Amino acid sequence: MPAPTSADYARRAGELEGELHTGRAVRLLYATDASEYQELPAAVAMPRSDADVRTLITFARTHGLG
C-alpha cells in the first residue's frame, strides 16, 4: 500500500467538514496518552460528521494506516 504524501493529506483535508492536522506541533500533542509510550501519529483528524469518519476510514485503509 502506498504511503500517503502531503498532497494526499491536503486533498483529504479539503474534503472534510472537520479538520485534519499534519503539522508537527499538533501531532506531538497527540503522541502520548496516559501510558509511558509515545508514538508520533501521521496526522490528527477531528471529524465533524459521519461522512468525515467514512472518508477517513477509507483513506486509512487505502494507505495501510492504523
N, C-alpha and C. Protein backbone atom coordinates (compact mmCIF):
# COMPACT_ATOMS: atom_id res chain seq x y z
N MET A 1 0.84 -1.18 0.00
CA MET A 1 0.00 0.00 0.00
C MET A 1 0.88 1.24 0.00
N PRO A 2 0.55 2.19 -0.83
CA PRO A 2 1.38 3.39 -0.91
C PRO A 2 1.20 4.29 0.32
N ALA A 3 2.33 4.79 0.83
CA ALA A 3 2.27 5.74 1.94
C ALA A 3 1.68 7.04 1.44
N PRO A 4 0.84 7.69 2.24
CA PRO A 4 0.25 8.95 1.78
C PRO A 4 1.29 10.06 1.70
N THR A 5 1.13 10.89 0.71
CA THR A 5 2.01 12.06 0.54
C THR A 5 1.34 13.28 1.19
N SER A 6 2.08 14.35 1.26
CA SER A 6 1.50 15.59 1.82
C SER A 6 0.34 16.06 0.93
N ALA A 7 0.43 15.82 -0.37
CA ALA A 7 -0.67 16.18 -1.28
C ALA A 7 -1.91 15.34 -0.99
N ASP A 8 -1.71 14.05 -0.65
CA ASP A 8 -2.85 13.19 -0.29
C ASP A 8 -3.56 13.73 0.95
N TYR A 9 -2.77 14.10 1.95
CA TYR A 9 -3.37 14.65 3.17
C TYR A 9 -4.09 15.97 2.88
N ALA A 10 -3.49 16.82 2.06
CA ALA A 10 -4.11 18.11 1.73
C ALA A 10 -5.43 17.91 1.00
N ARG A 11 -5.46 16.96 0.05
CA ARG A 11 -6.71 16.67 -0.67
C ARG A 11 -7.78 16.18 0.29
N ARG A 12 -7.41 15.27 1.17
CA ARG A 12 -8.37 14.72 2.13
C ARG A 12 -8.87 15.82 3.06
N ALA A 13 -7.99 16.67 3.52
CA ALA A 13 -8.39 17.76 4.41
C ALA A 13 -9.43 18.65 3.74
N GLY A 14 -9.29 18.86 2.45
CA GLY A 14 -10.23 19.69 1.71
C GLY A 14 -11.60 19.06 1.55
N GLU A 15 -11.69 17.75 1.76
CA GLU A 15 -12.96 17.04 1.62
C GLU A 15 -13.73 16.94 2.94
N LEU A 16 -13.10 17.32 4.04
CA LEU A 16 -13.70 17.14 5.36
C LEU A 16 -14.43 18.40 5.84
N GLU A 17 -15.50 18.18 6.59
CA GLU A 17 -16.14 19.29 7.33
C GLU A 17 -15.28 19.63 8.54
N GLY A 18 -14.65 18.62 9.09
CA GLY A 18 -13.80 18.78 10.27
C GLY A 18 -12.39 19.18 9.86
N GLU A 19 -11.44 18.80 10.70
CA GLU A 19 -10.06 19.22 10.50
C GLU A 19 -9.14 18.01 10.37
N LEU A 20 -8.05 18.20 9.62
CA LEU A 20 -7.00 17.20 9.51
C LEU A 20 -5.68 17.94 9.65
N HIS A 21 -4.97 17.65 10.73
CA HIS A 21 -3.72 18.35 11.04
C HIS A 21 -2.53 17.45 10.74
N THR A 22 -1.55 17.99 10.02
CA THR A 22 -0.34 17.24 9.73
C THR A 22 0.91 17.94 10.27
N GLY A 23 0.73 19.10 10.87
CA GLY A 23 1.86 19.84 11.42
C GLY A 23 2.46 19.13 12.63
N ARG A 24 3.74 19.26 12.78
CA ARG A 24 4.47 18.56 13.85
C ARG A 24 3.96 18.93 15.24
N ALA A 25 3.66 20.18 15.49
CA ALA A 25 3.24 20.61 16.83
C ALA A 25 1.96 19.89 17.28
N VAL A 26 0.96 19.84 16.44
CA VAL A 26 -0.30 19.17 16.80
C VAL A 26 -0.06 17.67 16.93
N ARG A 27 0.71 17.09 16.03
CA ARG A 27 0.99 15.66 16.10
C ARG A 27 1.72 15.32 17.40
N LEU A 28 2.63 16.18 17.85
CA LEU A 28 3.32 15.94 19.11
C LEU A 28 2.36 15.97 20.30
N LEU A 29 1.38 16.85 20.24
CA LEU A 29 0.39 16.92 21.32
C LEU A 29 -0.39 15.63 21.47
N TYR A 30 -0.59 14.92 20.36
CA TYR A 30 -1.38 13.69 20.36
C TYR A 30 -0.51 12.43 20.35
N ALA A 31 0.78 12.57 20.56
CA ALA A 31 1.70 11.44 20.50
C ALA A 31 1.70 10.61 21.79
N THR A 32 1.13 11.13 22.85
CA THR A 32 1.14 10.40 24.11
C THR A 32 -0.28 10.23 24.64
N ASP A 33 -0.40 9.24 25.50
CA ASP A 33 -1.67 9.04 26.20
C ASP A 33 -1.33 8.85 27.68
N ALA A 34 -2.13 8.18 28.40
CA ALA A 34 -1.90 8.01 29.84
C ALA A 34 -0.79 6.99 30.15
N SER A 35 -0.26 6.36 29.12
CA SER A 35 0.80 5.37 29.32
C SER A 35 2.17 6.02 29.16
N GLU A 36 3.20 5.21 29.28
CA GLU A 36 4.57 5.73 29.11
C GLU A 36 5.01 5.71 27.65
N TYR A 37 4.19 5.18 26.78
CA TYR A 37 4.55 5.07 25.37
C TYR A 37 4.25 6.34 24.60
N GLN A 38 5.07 6.58 23.60
CA GLN A 38 4.87 7.75 22.75
C GLN A 38 5.08 7.32 21.30
N GLU A 39 4.12 7.64 20.45
CA GLU A 39 4.23 7.35 19.03
C GLU A 39 3.64 8.53 18.26
N LEU A 40 4.44 9.10 17.40
CA LEU A 40 4.01 10.27 16.63
C LEU A 40 3.03 9.83 15.54
N PRO A 41 1.80 10.34 15.57
CA PRO A 41 0.84 9.96 14.53
C PRO A 41 1.19 10.62 13.20
N ALA A 42 0.73 10.01 12.12
CA ALA A 42 0.94 10.57 10.78
C ALA A 42 0.16 11.87 10.62
N ALA A 43 -1.01 11.93 11.25
CA ALA A 43 -1.88 13.10 11.19
C ALA A 43 -2.86 13.02 12.36
N VAL A 44 -3.53 14.12 12.63
CA VAL A 44 -4.56 14.15 13.67
C VAL A 44 -5.85 14.62 13.03
N ALA A 45 -6.86 13.75 13.08
CA ALA A 45 -8.15 14.07 12.48
C ALA A 45 -9.15 14.46 13.55
N MET A 46 -9.95 15.46 13.24
CA MET A 46 -11.03 15.92 14.11
C MET A 46 -12.30 15.98 13.27
N PRO A 47 -12.92 14.80 13.05
CA PRO A 47 -14.11 14.75 12.19
C PRO A 47 -15.31 15.44 12.83
N ARG A 48 -16.17 15.98 11.98
CA ARG A 48 -17.39 16.66 12.46
C ARG A 48 -18.67 15.96 12.02
N SER A 49 -18.53 14.92 11.22
CA SER A 49 -19.73 14.26 10.72
C SER A 49 -19.44 12.78 10.45
N ASP A 50 -20.50 12.02 10.26
CA ASP A 50 -20.35 10.61 9.89
C ASP A 50 -19.63 10.49 8.56
N ALA A 51 -19.90 11.41 7.65
CA ALA A 51 -19.24 11.39 6.34
C ALA A 51 -17.73 11.58 6.49
N ASP A 52 -17.32 12.45 7.41
CA ASP A 52 -15.90 12.63 7.68
C ASP A 52 -15.28 11.32 8.16
N VAL A 53 -15.95 10.63 9.05
CA VAL A 53 -15.42 9.37 9.59
C VAL A 53 -15.28 8.35 8.47
N ARG A 54 -16.28 8.24 7.61
CA ARG A 54 -16.21 7.31 6.48
C ARG A 54 -15.04 7.67 5.56
N THR A 55 -14.87 8.95 5.27
CA THR A 55 -13.78 9.40 4.41
C THR A 55 -12.43 9.05 5.03
N LEU A 56 -12.29 9.28 6.31
CA LEU A 56 -11.03 8.99 6.99
C LEU A 56 -10.73 7.50 7.05
N ILE A 57 -11.75 6.70 7.28
CA ILE A 57 -11.55 5.24 7.31
C ILE A 57 -11.12 4.74 5.94
N THR A 58 -11.75 5.21 4.89
CA THR A 58 -11.38 4.82 3.53
C THR A 58 -9.94 5.23 3.24
N PHE A 59 -9.58 6.44 3.61
CA PHE A 59 -8.21 6.94 3.41
C PHE A 59 -7.21 6.06 4.15
N ALA A 60 -7.50 5.74 5.40
CA ALA A 60 -6.60 4.91 6.20
C ALA A 60 -6.45 3.51 5.59
N ARG A 61 -7.53 2.93 5.15
CA ARG A 61 -7.47 1.59 4.53
C ARG A 61 -6.67 1.62 3.24
N THR A 62 -6.89 2.65 2.43
CA THR A 62 -6.19 2.77 1.15
C THR A 62 -4.68 2.86 1.34
N HIS A 63 -4.26 3.52 2.41
CA HIS A 63 -2.84 3.76 2.64
C HIS A 63 -2.23 2.88 3.72
N GLY A 64 -2.98 1.92 4.24
CA GLY A 64 -2.44 0.99 5.23
C GLY A 64 -2.11 1.65 6.56
N LEU A 65 -2.87 2.66 6.93
CA LEU A 65 -2.66 3.36 8.19
C LEU A 65 -3.52 2.73 9.28
N GLY A 66 -3.04 2.82 10.49
CA GLY A 66 -3.87 2.36 11.60
C GLY A 66 -3.39 1.18 12.21
